[in-house]
Protein backbone atom coordinates (compact mmCIF):
# COMPACT_ATOMS: atom_id res chain seq x y z
CA MET A 1 265.78 249.67 75.88
CA PRO A 2 267.67 251.50 78.59
CA ASP A 3 271.42 252.29 77.87
CA ARG A 4 273.80 249.52 78.89
CA TYR A 5 277.57 249.27 78.66
CA LEU A 6 279.37 246.40 76.86
CA MET A 7 282.81 245.53 75.75
CA ALA A 8 283.31 245.36 72.04
CA THR A 9 286.04 244.96 69.35
CA THR A 10 284.33 245.07 65.92
CA ALA A 11 282.57 248.36 65.12
CA ARG A 12 281.07 249.48 61.93
CA HIS A 13 279.92 252.97 60.92
CA ALA A 14 278.51 254.62 57.79
CA LEU A 15 282.07 256.20 57.26
CA GLY A 16 283.90 252.98 57.67
CA ASP A 17 285.47 250.60 60.20
CA LEU A 18 285.98 251.73 63.80
CA SER A 19 287.14 248.44 65.14
CA ARG A 20 289.71 248.01 67.85
CA ASP A 21 292.36 245.41 68.41
CA GLN A 22 291.40 244.98 72.22
CA PRO A 23 287.93 245.04 73.92
CA HIS A 24 286.75 248.57 74.84
CA LEU A 25 283.81 249.93 76.49
CA ALA A 26 280.82 250.77 74.39
CA LEU A 27 277.64 252.69 75.27
CA ILE A 28 274.61 250.87 73.78
CA HIS A 29 271.28 252.50 73.08
CA GLY A 30 269.51 249.98 71.04
CA GLU A 31 269.64 246.83 68.85
CA ASP A 32 269.01 245.92 65.28
CA GLY A 33 268.98 242.30 64.34
CA ASP A 34 272.43 240.90 64.95
CA ASP A 35 273.91 244.30 65.99
CA TRP A 36 273.91 246.50 69.10
CA ILE A 37 273.75 250.30 68.20
CA GLY A 38 275.66 252.72 70.16
CA GLU A 39 278.95 254.41 70.36
CA TRP A 40 282.57 254.00 71.89
CA VAL A 41 282.79 255.66 75.28
CA THR A 42 286.03 257.10 74.18
CA GLY A 43 287.29 258.30 70.83
CA ILE A 44 286.23 260.66 68.11
CA GLY A 45 282.47 260.54 68.90
CA TYR A 46 280.80 258.52 66.16
CA ILE A 47 277.14 257.99 66.96
CA ASN A 48 274.89 254.99 65.56
CA VAL A 49 277.84 252.75 65.42
CA ARG A 50 276.98 249.05 64.83
CA PHE A 51 278.60 246.67 67.16
CA PRO A 52 277.89 242.93 66.08
CA LYS A 53 276.59 240.82 69.07
CA ALA A 54 278.93 238.06 68.03
CA THR A 55 281.91 240.20 68.89
CA THR A 56 280.33 242.13 71.96
CA ARG A 57 280.09 240.88 75.47
CA ASP A 58 279.11 241.91 79.01
CA LEU A 59 281.58 243.26 81.33
CA THR A 60 283.51 241.11 83.61
CA ALA A 61 283.29 241.76 87.42
CA GLU A 62 286.86 243.31 87.20
CA GLU A 63 285.84 245.51 84.42
CA ARG A 64 282.56 246.56 86.23
CA ALA A 65 284.77 247.57 89.17
CA GLU A 66 287.41 249.33 87.04
CA TYR A 67 284.74 251.45 85.11
CA GLN A 68 281.94 252.06 87.61
CA GLY A 69 281.80 255.62 88.71
CA ARG A 70 284.57 256.87 86.39
CA MET A 71 284.02 260.32 84.84
CA VAL A 72 284.05 260.64 80.97
CA GLN A 73 284.10 264.04 79.25
CA ALA A 74 283.56 264.63 75.48
CA GLY A 75 283.29 268.12 74.02
CA ASN A 76 281.28 270.31 76.29
CA GLY A 77 279.71 267.50 78.35
CA ALA A 78 280.73 265.12 80.99
CA TRP A 79 279.16 262.13 82.64
CA ARG A 80 279.82 259.45 85.31
CA ILE A 81 279.63 255.78 84.15
CA ASP A 82 276.97 253.93 86.04
CA ILE A 83 276.93 250.24 85.14
CA ALA A 84 273.46 248.85 86.27
CA GLU A 85 273.59 245.35 87.59
CA GLU A 86 271.46 242.73 85.76
CA ASP A 87 268.70 241.08 87.99
CA ALA A 88 267.75 237.40 87.76
CA CYS A 89 265.38 238.05 84.72
CA GLY A 90 267.86 240.12 82.60
CA ALA A 91 266.52 243.62 83.59
CA ARG A 92 269.38 246.18 83.87
CA GLY A 93 267.85 249.28 85.20
CA ILE A 94 264.94 250.82 87.19
CA GLY A 95 261.85 250.34 85.11
CA ASP A 96 263.44 248.02 82.77
CA HIS A 97 261.83 244.78 84.46
CA ASP A 98 259.02 243.47 82.46
CA CYS A 99 258.62 239.66 82.62
CA ALA A 100 255.53 237.46 82.97
CA GLU A 101 256.68 236.26 86.54
CA HIS A 102 257.43 239.64 88.11
CA GLY A 103 255.36 242.18 86.00
CA GLU A 104 256.35 245.53 84.43
CA GLY A 105 258.56 247.71 86.53
CA ALA A 106 259.13 245.10 89.29
């Protein structure tokens, strides 16, 4: 699964509750049952945080515009947020398209 950005409030980690009162940007790397797995884009830097799918959502058009291209720095690294658009079949990035109608990598 390619990385994707979602808005979340509830967040659980092995060390405790990392939830936030208002929706914040989360970088998602995978999923496990009813949870997305990833980390908050800003904060202390816990990894493998569990974000329940029931309290996590896609970004609105306004949020996409706000975050797209923004620089994030954490520790010794930095990256630019690149929020991939979802195509009609739900694919989010290059090489992520694999449906019966269009085939893999369409």
